[in-house]
Amino acid sequence: MIIYNVTSNIDETIHVEWLTWIKEHIPQVLATGHFTEAKLTRVLVKEDLGGMTYSIQYRAKSREALDAYYKNNAEILRQEAIKHFGDQVLSFRTELEIIDEYKVNGIDN
């Protein structure tokens, strides 16, 4: 299983607007059909350069699904963010391979 992680540093002047926008954007990414779920998290580290940092973790259905997302959807969806926020949002992307998962007493926490 692959996690497609997008980490973004948001200028404080547009933080509230971006947070509203991203909560509408994530369902659009999921609607591509290449992911099974997404988690929006705030990074709990004070940034030296200021701003607020968030991470969105999309769980890809497979490596092939992620590659299809890159080929068919990623650029269009990235351009939406650039159109709305320009350089007030700086993002980088990473891919994570899930090796194993553990739960306490079989319950998700």
PDB file of N, CA and C in Angstrom:
ATOM      1  N   MET A   1       0.848  -1.179   0.000  1.00  0.00           N
ATOM      2  CA  MET A   1       0.000   0.000   0.000  1.00  0.00           C
ATOM      3  C   MET A   1       0.890   1.239   0.000  1.00  0.00           C
ATOM      4  N   ILE A   2       0.467   2.259  -0.719  1.00  0.00           N
ATOM      5  CA  ILE A   2       1.246   3.487  -0.871  1.00  0.00           C
ATOM      6  C   ILE A   2       0.466   4.664  -0.289  1.00  0.00           C
ATOM      7  N   ILE A   3       1.169   5.514   0.452  1.00  0.00           N
ATOM      8  CA  ILE A   3       0.595   6.783   0.898  1.00  0.00           C
ATOM      9  C   ILE A   3       1.258   7.885   0.087  1.00  0.00           C
ATOM     10  N   TYR A   4       0.420   8.727  -0.506  1.00  0.00           N
ATOM     11  CA  TYR A   4       0.867   9.905  -1.228  1.00  0.00           C
ATOM     12  C   TYR A   4       0.682  11.069  -0.261  1.00  0.00           C
ATOM     13  N   ASN A   5       1.789  11.637   0.189  1.00  0.00           N
ATOM     14  CA  ASN A   5       1.770  12.677   1.206  1.00  0.00           C
ATOM     15  C   ASN A   5       2.091  14.035   0.578  1.00  0.00           C
ATOM     16  N   VAL A   6       1.232  15.024   0.849  1.00  0.00           N
ATOM     17  CA  VAL A   6       1.462  16.388   0.389  1.00  0.00           C
ATOM     18  C   VAL A   6       1.602  17.257   1.637  1.00  0.00           C
ATOM     19  N   THR A   7       2.792  17.827   1.827  1.00  0.00           N
ATOM     20  CA  THR A   7       3.051  18.709   2.962  1.00  0.00           C
ATOM     21  C   THR A   7       3.110  20.137   2.429  1.00  0.00           C
ATOM     22  N   SER A   8       2.346  21.031   3.060  1.00  0.00           N
ATOM     23  CA  SER A   8       2.252  22.409   2.580  1.00  0.00           C
ATOM     24  C   SER A   8       2.441  23.389   3.722  1.00  0.00           C
ATOM     25  N   ASN A   9       3.250  24.424   3.457  1.00  0.00           N
ATOM     26  CA  ASN A   9       3.399  25.533   4.383  1.00  0.00           C
ATOM     27  C   ASN A   9       2.540  26.670   3.851  1.00  0.00           C
ATOM     28  N   ILE A  10       1.652  27.178   4.715  1.00  0.00           N
ATOM     29  CA  ILE A  10       0.651  28.152   4.319  1.00  0.00           C
ATOM     30  C   ILE A  10       0.972  29.498   4.957  1.00  0.00           C
ATOM     31  N   ASP A  11       1.025  30.546   4.162  1.00  0.00           N
ATOM     32  CA  ASP A  11       1.210  31.897   4.677  1.00  0.00           C
ATOM     33  C   ASP A  11       0.068  32.206   5.644  1.00  0.00           C
ATOM     34  N   GLU A  12       0.396  32.777   6.793  1.00  0.00           N
ATOM     35  CA  GLU A  12      -0.609  33.033   7.818  1.00  0.00           C
ATOM     36  C   GLU A  12      -1.730  33.951   7.341  1.00  0.00           C
ATOM     37  N   THR A  13      -1.459  34.820   6.376  1.00  0.00           N
ATOM     38  CA  THR A  13      -2.483  35.761   5.904  1.00  0.00           C
ATOM     39  C   THR A  13      -3.606  35.079   5.130  1.00  0.00           C
ATOM     40  N   ILE A  14      -3.378  33.866   4.626  1.00  0.00           N
ATOM     41  CA  ILE A  14      -4.412  33.164   3.859  1.00  0.00           C
ATOM     42  C   ILE A  14      -4.783  31.833   4.506  1.00  0.00           C
ATOM     43  N   HIS A  15      -4.303  31.605   5.714  1.00  0.00           N
ATOM     44  CA  HIS A  15      -4.475  30.323   6.376  1.00  0.00           C
ATOM     45  C   HIS A  15      -5.938  29.875   6.438  1.00  0.00           C
ATOM     46  N   VAL A  16      -6.831  30.733   6.900  1.00  0.00           N
ATOM     47  CA  VAL A  16      -8.241  30.359   7.046  1.00  0.00           C
ATOM     48  C   VAL A  16      -8.862  30.064   5.679  1.00  0.00           C
ATOM     49  N   GLU A  17      -8.551  30.894   4.700  1.00  0.00           N
ATOM     50  CA  GLU A  17      -9.067  30.680   3.345  1.00  0.00           C
ATOM     51  C   GLU A  17      -8.562  29.357   2.773  1.00  0.00           C
ATOM     52  N   TRP A  18      -7.259  29.066   2.963  1.00  0.00           N
ATOM     53  CA  TRP A  18      -6.690  27.815   2.450  1.00  0.00           C
ATOM     54  C   TRP A  18      -7.340  26.615   3.115  1.00  0.00           C
ATOM     55  N   LEU A  19      -7.542  26.679   4.426  1.00  0.00           N
ATOM     56  CA  LEU A  19      -8.122  25.551   5.151  1.00  0.00           C
ATOM     57  C   LEU A  19      -9.535  25.251   4.639  1.00  0.00           C
ATOM     58  N   THR A  20     -10.317  26.274   4.380  1.00  0.00           N
ATOM     59  CA  THR A  20     -11.650  26.076   3.794  1.00  0.00           C
ATOM     60  C   THR A  20     -11.521  25.448   2.412  1.00  0.00           C
ATOM     61  N   TRP A  21     -10.583  25.965   1.608  1.00  0.00           N
ATOM     62  CA  TRP A  21     -10.393  25.464   0.243  1.00  0.00           C
ATOM     63  C   TRP A  21      -9.941  24.004   0.236  1.00  0.00           C
ATOM     64  N   ILE A  22      -8.983  23.657   1.094  1.00  0.00           N
ATOM     65  CA  ILE A  22      -8.429  22.291   1.063  1.00  0.00           C
ATOM     66  C   ILE A  22      -9.479  21.267   1.475  1.00  0.00           C
ATOM     67  N   LYS A  23     -10.393  21.664   2.344  1.00  0.00           N
ATOM     68  CA  LYS A  23     -11.456  20.743   2.759  1.00  0.00           C
ATOM     69  C   LYS A  23     -12.442  20.474   1.621  1.00  0.00           C
ATOM     70  N   GLU A  24     -12.465  21.331   0.623  1.00  0.00           N
ATOM     71  CA  GLU A  24     -13.244  21.083  -0.593  1.00  0.00           C
ATOM     72  C   GLU A  24     -12.407  20.372  -1.654  1.00  0.00           C
ATOM     73  N   HIS A  25     -11.100  20.623  -1.631  1.00  0.00           N
ATOM     74  CA  HIS A  25     -10.177  20.048  -2.614  1.00  0.00           C
ATOM     75  C   HIS A  25      -9.950  18.552  -2.374  1.00  0.00           C
ATOM     76  N   ILE A  26      -9.806  18.155  -1.130  1.00  0.00           N
ATOM     77  CA  ILE A  26      -9.532  16.740  -0.817  1.00  0.00           C
ATOM     78  C   ILE A  26     -10.601  15.819  -1.407  1.00  0.00           C
ATOM     79  N   PRO A  27     -11.895  16.108  -1.255  1.00  0.00           N
ATOM     80  CA  PRO A  27     -12.898  15.247  -1.899  1.00  0.00           C
ATOM     81  C   PRO A  27     -12.751  15.176  -3.423  1.00  0.00           C
ATOM     82  N   GLN A  28     -12.258  16.246  -4.044  1.00  0.00           N
ATOM     83  CA  GLN A  28     -12.025  16.216  -5.491  1.00  0.00           C
ATOM     84  C   GLN A  28     -10.908  15.229  -5.828  1.00  0.00           C
ATOM     85  N   VAL A  29      -9.873  15.202  -5.013  1.00  0.00           N
ATOM     86  CA  VAL A  29      -8.784  14.244  -5.235  1.00  0.00           C
ATOM     87  C   VAL A  29      -9.312  12.822  -5.049  1.00  0.00           C
ATOM     88  N   LEU A  30     -10.083  12.604  -3.994  1.00  0.00           N
ATOM     89  CA  LEU A  30     -10.640  11.266  -3.760  1.00  0.00           C
ATOM     90  C   LEU A  30     -11.584  10.846  -4.887  1.00  0.00           C
ATOM     91  N   ALA A  31     -12.281  11.805  -5.481  1.00  0.00           N
ATOM     92  CA  ALA A  31     -13.222  11.507  -6.562  1.00  0.00           C
ATOM     93  C   ALA A  31     -12.535  10.999  -7.825  1.00  0.00           C
ATOM     94  N   THR A  32     -11.209  11.136  -7.916  1.00  0.00           N
ATOM     95  CA  THR A  32     -10.499  10.589  -9.076  1.00  0.00           C
ATOM     96  C   THR A  32     -10.564   9.069  -9.092  1.00  0.00           C
ATOM     97  N   GLY A  33     -10.863   8.474  -7.934  1.00  0.00           N
ATOM     98  CA  GLY A  33     -10.974   7.014  -7.854  1.00  0.00           C
ATOM     99  C   GLY A  33      -9.665   6.288  -7.594  1.00  0.00           C
ATOM    100  N   HIS A  34      -8.580   7.022  -7.394  1.00  0.00           N
ATOM    101  CA  HIS A  34      -7.271   6.389  -7.213  1.00  0.00           C
ATOM    102  C   HIS A  34      -6.886   6.184  -5.757  1.00  0.00           C
ATOM    103  N   PHE A  35      -7.675   6.746  -4.841  1.00  0.00           N
ATOM    104  CA  PHE A  35      -7.349   6.683  -3.415  1.00  0.00           C
ATOM    105  C   PHE A  35      -8.537   6.136  -2.627  1.00  0.00           C
ATOM    106  N   THR A  36      -8.238   5.540  -1.474  1.00  0.00           N
ATOM    107  CA  THR A  36      -9.300   4.978  -0.642  1.00  0.00           C
ATOM    108  C   THR A  36      -9.668   5.880   0.522  1.00  0.00           C
ATOM    109  N   GLU A  37      -8.762   6.767   0.929  1.00  0.00           N
ATOM    110  CA  GLU A  37      -9.037   7.669   2.041  1.00  0.00           C
ATOM    111  C   GLU A  37      -7.995   8.773   2.074  1.00  0.00           C
ATOM    112  N   ALA A  38      -8.272   9.784   2.883  1.00  0.00           N
ATOM    113  CA  ALA A  38      -7.316  10.869   3.079  1.00  0.00           C
ATOM    114  C   ALA A  38      -7.399  11.353   4.518  1.00  0.00           C
ATOM    115  N   LYS A  39      -6.265  11.832   5.018  1.00  0.00           N
ATOM    116  CA  LYS A  39      -6.204  12.420   6.353  1.00  0.00           C
ATOM    117  C   LYS A  39      -5.539  13.783   6.243  1.00  0.00           C
ATOM    118  N   LEU A  40      -6.187  14.784   6.827  1.00  0.00           N
ATOM    119  CA  LEU A  40      -5.642  16.136   6.883  1.00  0.00           C
ATOM    120  C   LEU A  40      -5.101  16.341   8.289  1.00  0.00           C
ATOM    121  N   THR A  41      -3.818  16.677   8.399  1.00  0.00           N
ATOM    122  CA  THR A  41      -3.200  16.867   9.706  1.00  0.00           C
ATOM    123  C   THR A  41      -2.422  18.177   9.724  1.00  0.00           C
ATOM    124  N   ARG A  42      -2.303  18.745  10.914  1.00  0.00           N
ATOM    125  CA  ARG A  42      -1.464  19.928  11.099  1.00  0.00           C
ATOM    126  C   ARG A  42      -0.138  19.463  11.662  1.00  0.00           C
ATOM    127  N   VAL A  43       0.940  19.948  11.099  1.00  0.00           N
ATOM    128  CA  VAL A  43       2.282  19.609  11.566  1.00  0.00           C
ATOM    129  C   VAL A  43       2.558  20.456  12.811  1.00  0.00           C
ATOM    130  N   LEU A  44       2.910  19.799  13.897  1.00  0.00           N
ATOM    131  CA  LEU A  44       3.067  20.471  15.190  1.00  0.00           C
ATOM    132  C   LEU A  44       4.502  20.900  15.442  1.00  0.00           C
ATOM    133  N   VAL A  45       5.057  21.594  14.470  1.00  0.00           N
ATOM    134  CA  VAL A  45       6.410  22.128  14.585  1.00  0.00           C
ATOM    135  C   VAL A  45       6.337  23.600  14.216  1.00  0.00           C
ATOM    136  N   LYS A  46       6.946  24.450  15.046  1.00  0.00           N
ATOM    137  CA  LYS A  46       6.979  25.869  14.718  1.00  0.00           C
ATOM    138  C   LYS A  46       7.977  26.071  13.581  1.00  0.00           C
ATOM    139  N   GLU A  47       7.500  26.694  12.507  1.00  0.00           N
ATOM    140  CA  GLU A  47       8.332  26.916  11.337  1.00  0.00           C
ATOM    141  C   GLU A  47       9.213  28.151  11.535  1.00  0.00           C
ATOM    142  N   ASP A  48      10.503  28.022  11.262  1.00  0.00           N
ATOM    143  CA  ASP A  48      11.425  29.151  11.372  1.00  0.00           C
ATOM    144  C   ASP A  48      11.022  30.294  10.456  1.00  0.00           C
ATOM    145  N   LEU A  49      10.473  29.959   9.296  1.00  0.00           N
ATOM    146  CA  LEU A  49      10.090  30.973   8.319  1.00  0.00           C
ATOM    147  C   LEU A  49       8.653  31.442   8.495  1.00  0.00           C
ATOM    148  N   GLY A  50       7.974  30.951   9.523  1.00  0.00           N
ATOM    149  CA  GLY A  50       6.596  31.344   9.772  1.00  0.00           C
ATOM    150  C   GLY A  50       5.611  30.489   9.008  1.00  0.00           C
ATOM    151  N   GLY A  51       4.362  30.885   9.073  1.00  0.00           N
ATOM    152  CA  GLY A  51       3.308  30.136   8.405  1.00  0.00           C
ATOM    153  C   GLY A  51       2.882  28.931   9.219  1.00  0.00           C
ATOM    154  N   MET A  52       1.926  28.219   8.668  1.00  0.00           N
ATOM    155  CA  MET A  52       1.413  27.004   9.293  1.00  0.00           C
ATOM    156  C   MET A  52       1.595  25.870   8.301  1.00  0.00           C
ATOM    157  N   THR A  53       1.934  24.707   8.814  1.00  0.00           N
ATOM    158  CA  THR A  53       2.213  23.569   7.942  1.00  0.00           C
ATOM    159  C   THR A  53       1.191  22.461   8.168  1.00  0.00           C
ATOM    160  N   TYR A  54       0.723  21.904   7.058  1.00  0.00           N
ATOM    161  CA  TYR A  54      -0.242  20.815   7.073  1.00  0.00           C
ATOM    162  C   TYR A  54       0.274  19.669   6.208  1.00  0.00           C
ATOM    163  N   SER A  55      -0.219  18.484   6.504  1.00  0.00           N
ATOM    164  CA  SER A  55       0.082  17.304   5.709  1.00  0.00           C
ATOM    165  C   SER A  55      -1.231  16.628   5.349  1.00  0.00           C
ATOM    166  N   ILE A  56      -1.375  16.289   4.080  1.00  0.00           N
ATOM    167  CA  ILE A  56      -2.517  15.491   3.643  1.00  0.00           C
ATOM    168  C   ILE A  56      -1.961  14.155   3.180  1.00  0.00           C
ATOM    169  N   GLN A  57      -2.477  13.093   3.770  1.00  0.00           N
ATOM    170  CA  GLN A  57      -2.028  11.751   3.416  1.00  0.00           C
ATOM    171  C   GLN A  57      -3.163  11.031   2.693  1.00  0.00           C
ATOM    172  N   TYR A  58      -2.915  10.748   1.419  1.00  0.00           N
ATOM    173  CA  TYR A  58      -3.878  10.020   0.599  1.00  0.00           C
ATOM    174  C   TYR A  58      -3.409   8.572   0.501  1.00  0.00           C
ATOM    175  N   ARG A  59      -4.291   7.643   0.818  1.00  0.00           N
ATOM    176  CA  ARG A  59      -3.946   6.225   0.705  1.00  0.00           C
ATOM    177  C   ARG A  59      -4.319   5.749  -0.683  1.00  0.00           C
ATOM    178  N   ALA A  60      -3.304   5.398  -1.473  1.00  0.00           N
ATOM    179  CA  ALA A  60      -3.530   4.935  -2.848  1.00  0.00           C
ATOM    180  C   ALA A  60      -3.997   3.488  -2.849  1.00  0.00           C
ATOM    181  N   LYS A  61      -4.843   3.164  -3.807  1.00  0.00           N
ATOM    182  CA  LYS A  61      -5.322   1.789  -3.942  1.00  0.00           C
ATOM    183  C   LYS A  61      -4.184   0.840  -4.299  1.00  0.00           C
ATOM    184  N   SER A  62      -3.192   1.349  -5.058  1.00  0.00           N
ATOM    185  CA  SER A  62      -2.053   0.547  -5.494  1.00  0.00           C
ATOM    186  C   SER A  62      -1.017   1.490  -6.109  1.00  0.00           C
ATOM    187  N   ARG A  63       0.144   0.958  -6.412  1.00  0.00           N
ATOM    188  CA  ARG A  63       1.175   1.725  -7.109  1.00  0.00           C
ATOM    189  C   ARG A  63       0.654   2.179  -8.471  1.00  0.00           C
ATOM    190  N   GLU A  64      -0.070   1.281  -9.130  1.00  0.00           N
ATOM    191  CA  GLU A  64      -0.626   1.593 -10.445  1.00  0.00           C
ATOM    192  C   GLU A  64      -1.663   2.721 -10.352  1.00  0.00           C
ATOM    193  N   ALA A  65      -2.455   2.711  -9.275  1.00  0.00           N
ATOM    194  CA  ALA A  65      -3.448   3.767  -9.087  1.00  0.00           C
ATOM    195  C   ALA A  65      -2.766   5.114  -8.891  1.00  0.00           C
ATOM    196  N   LEU A  66      -1.683   5.149  -8.118  1.00  0.00           N
ATOM    197  CA  LEU A  66      -0.968   6.398  -7.914  1.00  0.00           C
ATOM    198  C   LEU A  66      -0.354   6.884  -9.226  1.00  0.00           C
ATOM    199  N   ASP A  67       0.223   5.968  -9.985  1.00  0.00           N
ATOM    200  CA  ASP A  67       0.787   6.350 -11.287  1.00  0.00           C
ATOM    201  C   ASP A  67      -0.291   6.893 -12.222  1.00  0.00           C
ATOM    202  N   ALA A  68      -1.478   6.302 -12.192  1.00  0.00           N
ATOM    203  CA  ALA A  68      -2.586   6.786 -13.017  1.00  0.00           C
ATOM    204  C   ALA A  68      -3.023   8.180 -12.560  1.00  0.00           C
ATOM    205  N   TYR A  69      -3.008   8.423 -11.256  1.00  0.00           N
ATOM    206  CA  TYR A  69      -3.324   9.749 -10.733  1.00  0.00           C
ATOM    207  C   TYR A  69      -2.324  10.771 -11.273  1.00  0.00           C
ATOM    208  N   TYR A  70      -1.029  10.438 -11.193  1.00  0.00           N
ATOM    209  CA  TYR A  70      -0.008  11.347 -11.723  1.00  0.00           C
ATOM    210  C   TYR A  70      -0.253  11.641 -13.200  1.00  0.00           C
ATOM    211  N   LYS A  71      -0.550  10.611 -13.955  1.00  0.00           N
ATOM    212  CA  LYS A  71      -0.713  10.752 -15.404  1.00  0.00           C
ATOM    213  C   LYS A  71      -1.973  11.527 -15.788  1.00  0.00           C
ATOM    214  N   ASN A  72      -3.078  11.277 -15.081  1.00  0.00           N
ATOM    215  CA  ASN A  72      -4.377  11.792 -15.520  1.00  0.00           C
ATOM    216  C   ASN A  72      -4.939  12.966 -14.725  1.00  0.00           C
ATOM    217  N   ASN A  73      -4.492  13.164 -13.482  1.00  0.00           N
ATOM    218  CA  ASN A  73      -5.180  14.127 -12.626  1.00  0.00           C
ATOM    219  C   ASN A  73      -4.287  15.119 -11.897  1.00  0.00           C
ATOM    220  N   ALA A  74      -3.097  14.730 -11.544  1.00  0.00           N
ATOM    221  CA  ALA A  74      -2.270  15.517 -10.621  1.00  0.00           C
ATOM    222  C   ALA A  74      -2.031  16.941 -11.102  1.00  0.00           C
ATOM    223  N   GLU A  75      -1.640  17.107 -12.335  1.00  0.00           N
ATOM    224  CA  GLU A  75      -1.282  18.443 -12.822  1.00  0.00           C
ATOM    225  C   GLU A  75      -2.471  19.403 -12.785  1.00  0.00           C
ATOM    226  N   ILE A  76      -3.618  18.944 -13.198  1.00  0.00           N
ATOM    227  CA  ILE A  76      -4.814  19.792 -13.194  1.00  0.00           C
ATOM    228  C   ILE A  76      -5.156  20.226 -11.772  1.00  0.00           C
ATOM    229  N   LEU A  77      -5.114  19.287 -10.829  1.00  0.00           N
ATOM    230  CA  LEU A  77      -5.449  19.610  -9.445  1.00  0.00           C
ATOM    231  C   LEU A  77      -4.387  20.502  -8.799  1.00  0.00           C
ATOM    232  N   ARG A  78      -3.134  20.308  -9.146  1.00  0.00           N
ATOM    233  CA  ARG A  78      -2.073  21.184  -8.623  1.00  0.00           C
ATOM    234  C   ARG A  78      -2.238  22.609  -9.139  1.00  0.00           C
ATOM    235  N   GLN A  79      -2.630  22.737 -10.392  1.00  0.00           N
ATOM    236  CA  GLN A  79      -2.810  24.064 -10.980  1.00  0.00           C
ATOM    237  C   GLN A  79      -3.927  24.843 -10.281  1.00  0.00           C
ATOM    238  N   GLU A  80      -4.938  24.145  -9.783  1.00  0.00           N
ATOM    239  CA  GLU A  80      -5.997  24.813  -9.038  1.00  0.00           C
ATOM    240  C   GLU A  80      -5.431  25.516  -7.805  1.00  0.00           C
ATOM    241  N   ALA A  81      -4.544  24.850  -7.088  1.00  0.00           N
ATOM    242  CA  ALA A  81      -3.934  25.449  -5.900  1.00  0.00           C
ATOM    243  C   ALA A  81      -3.081  26.653  -6.281  1.00  0.00           C
ATOM    244  N   ILE A  82      -2.324  26.525  -7.344  1.00  0.00           N
ATOM    245  CA  ILE A  82      -1.475  27.635  -7.793  1.00  0.00           C
ATOM    246  C   ILE A  82      -2.342  28.815  -8.213  1.00  0.00           C
ATOM    247  N   LYS A  83      -3.428  28.540  -8.915  1.00  0.00           N
ATOM    248  CA  LYS A  83      -4.343  29.597  -9.355  1.00  0.00           C
ATOM    249  C   LYS A  83      -4.923  30.354  -8.159  1.00  0.00           C
ATOM    250  N   HIS A  84      -5.302  29.627  -7.121  1.00  0.00           N
ATOM    251  CA  HIS A  84      -5.921  30.252  -5.951  1.00  0.00           C
ATOM    252  C   HIS A  84      -4.920  30.976  -5.049  1.00  0.00           C
ATOM    253  N   PHE A  85      -3.728  30.396  -4.865  1.00  0.00           N
ATOM    254  CA  PHE A  85      -2.844  30.884  -3.803  1.00  0.00           C
ATOM    255  C   PHE A  85      -1.444  31.272  -4.243  1.00  0.00           C
ATOM    256  N   GLY A  86      -1.070  30.966  -5.469  1.00  0.00           N
ATOM    257  CA  GLY A  86       0.260  31.336  -5.958  1.00  0.00           C
ATOM    258  C   GLY A  86       1.362  30.850  -5.039  1.00  0.00           C
ATOM    259  N   ASP A  87       2.296  31.752  -4.735  1.00  0.00           N
ATOM    260  CA  ASP A  87       3.438  31.348  -3.913  1.00  0.00           C
ATOM    261  C   ASP A  87       3.189  31.536  -2.414  1.00  0.00           C
ATOM    262  N   GLN A  88       1.933  31.739  -2.021  1.00  0.00           N
ATOM    263  CA  GLN A  88       1.609  31.824  -0.601  1.00  0.00           C
ATOM    264  C   GLN A  88       1.467  30.436   0.029  1.00  0.00           C
ATOM    265  N   VAL A  89       1.510  29.417  -0.806  1.00  0.00           N
ATOM    266  CA  VAL A  89       1.497  28.032  -0.356  1.00  0.00           C
ATOM    267  C   VAL A  89       2.679  27.330  -1.003  1.00  0.00           C
ATOM    268  N   LEU A  90       3.539  26.767  -0.185  1.00  0.00           N
ATOM    269  CA  LEU A  90       4.684  26.009  -0.687  1.00  0.00           C
ATOM    270  C   LEU A  90       4.480  24.553  -0.309  1.00  0.00           C
ATOM    271  N   SER A  91       4.495  23.674  -1.312  1.00  0.00           N
ATOM    272  CA  SER A  91       4.199  22.257  -1.072  1.00  0.00           C
ATOM    273  C   SER A  91       5.308  21.362  -1.585  1.00  0.00           C
ATOM    274  N   PHE A  92       5.461  20.227  -0.907  1.00  0.00           N
ATOM    275  CA  PHE A  92       6.294  19.166  -1.448  1.00  0.00           C
ATOM    276  C   PHE A  92       5.582  17.847  -1.215  1.00  0.00           C
ATOM    277  N   ARG A  93       5.894  16.895  -2.061  1.00  0.00           N
ATOM    278  CA  ARG A  93       5.197  15.614  -2.064  1.00  0.00           C
ATOM    279  C   ARG A  93       6.172  14.471  -1.819  1.00  0.00           C
ATOM    280  N   THR A  94       5.703  13.481  -1.065  1.00  0.00           N
ATOM    281  CA  THR A  94       6.490  12.281  -0.834  1.00  0.00           C
ATOM    282  C   THR A  94       5.589  11.065  -0.980  1.00  0.00           C
ATOM    283  N   GLU A  95       6.204   9.959  -1.304  1.00  0.00           N
ATOM    284  CA  GLU A  95       5.503   8.681  -1.372  1.00  0.00           C
ATOM    285  C   GLU A  95       6.018   7.806  -0.239  1.00  0.00           C
ATOM    286  N   LEU A  96       5.095   7.178   0.469  1.00  0.00           N
ATOM    287  CA  LEU A  96       5.443   6.307   1.586  1.00  0.00           C
ATOM    288  C   LEU A  96       4.875   4.924   1.327  1.00  0.00           C
ATOM    289  N   GLU A  97       5.671   3.916   1.533  1.00  0.00           N
ATOM    290  CA  GLU A  97       5.191   2.547   1.394  1.00  0.00           C
ATOM    291  C   GLU A  97       4.861   1.992   2.768  1.00  0.00           C
ATOM    292  N   ILE A  98       3.637   1.544   2.946  1.00  0.00           N
ATOM    293  CA  ILE A  98       3.233   0.938   4.211  1.00  0.00           C
ATOM    294  C   ILE A  98       3.810  -0.473   4.253  1.00  0.00           C
ATOM    295  N   ILE A  99       4.614  -0.717   5.256  1.00  0.00           N
ATOM    296  CA  ILE A  99       5.214  -2.041   5.433  1.00  0.00           C
ATOM    297  C   ILE A  99       4.304  -2.918   6.283  1.00  0.00           C
ATOM    298  N   ASP A 100       3.781  -2.362   7.366  1.00  0.00           N
ATOM    299  CA  ASP A 100       2.907  -3.097   8.262  1.00  0.00           C
ATOM    300  C   ASP A 100       2.097  -2.091   9.070  1.00  0.00           C
ATOM    301  N   GLU A 101       0.960  -2.522   9.576  1.00  0.00           N
ATOM    302  CA  GLU A 101       0.127  -1.662  10.407  1.00  0.00           C
ATOM    303  C   GLU A 101      -0.220  -2.399  11.689  1.00  0.00           C
ATOM    304  N   TYR A 102      -0.330  -1.649  12.771  1.00  0.00           N
ATOM    305  CA  TYR A 102      -0.598  -2.222  14.071  1.00  0.00           C
ATOM    306  C   TYR A 102      -1.738  -1.468  14.740  1.00  0.00           C
ATOM    307  N   LYS A 103      -2.564  -2.177  15.469  1.00  0.00           N
ATOM    308  CA  LYS A 103      -3.680  -1.577  16.195  1.00  0.00           C
ATOM    309  C   LYS A 103      -3.675  -2.118  17.614  1.00  0.00           C
ATOM    310  N   VAL A 104      -4.171  -1.311  18.537  1.00  0.00           N
ATOM    311  CA  VAL A 104      -4.311  -1.735  19.913  1.00  0.00           C
ATOM    312  C   VAL A 104      -5.594  -2.546  20.019  1.00  0.00           C
ATOM    313  N   ASN A 105      -5.478  -3.801  20.433  1.00  0.00           N
ATOM    314  CA  ASN A 105      -6.644  -4.675  20.578  1.00  0.00           C
ATOM    315  C   ASN A 105      -7.525  -4.718  19.340  1.00  0.00           C
ATOM    316  N   GLY A 106      -6.913  -4.550  18.178  1.00  0.00           N
ATOM    317  CA  GLY A 106      -7.666  -4.629  16.938  1.00  0.00           C
ATOM    318  C   GLY A 106      -8.576  -3.456  16.668  1.00  0.00           C
ATOM    319  N   ILE A 107      -8.417  -2.353  17.432  1.00  0.00           N
ATOM    320  CA  ILE A 107      -9.286  -1.193  17.281  1.00  0.00           C
ATOM    321  C   ILE A 107      -8.461  -0.036  16.728  1.00  0.00           C
ATOM    322  N   ASP A 108      -9.027   0.658  15.740  1.00  0.00           N
ATOM    323  CA  ASP A 108      -8.397   1.868  15.224  1.00  0.00           C
ATOM    324  C   ASP A 108      -8.476   2.956  16.284  1.00  0.00           C
ATOM    325  N   ASN A 109      -7.377   3.633  16.535  1.00  0.00           N
ATOM    326  CA  ASN A 109      -7.385   4.764  17.496  1.00  0.00           C
ATOM    327  C   ASN A 109      -7.174   6.049  16.780  1.00  0.00           C
TER     328      ASN A 109
END
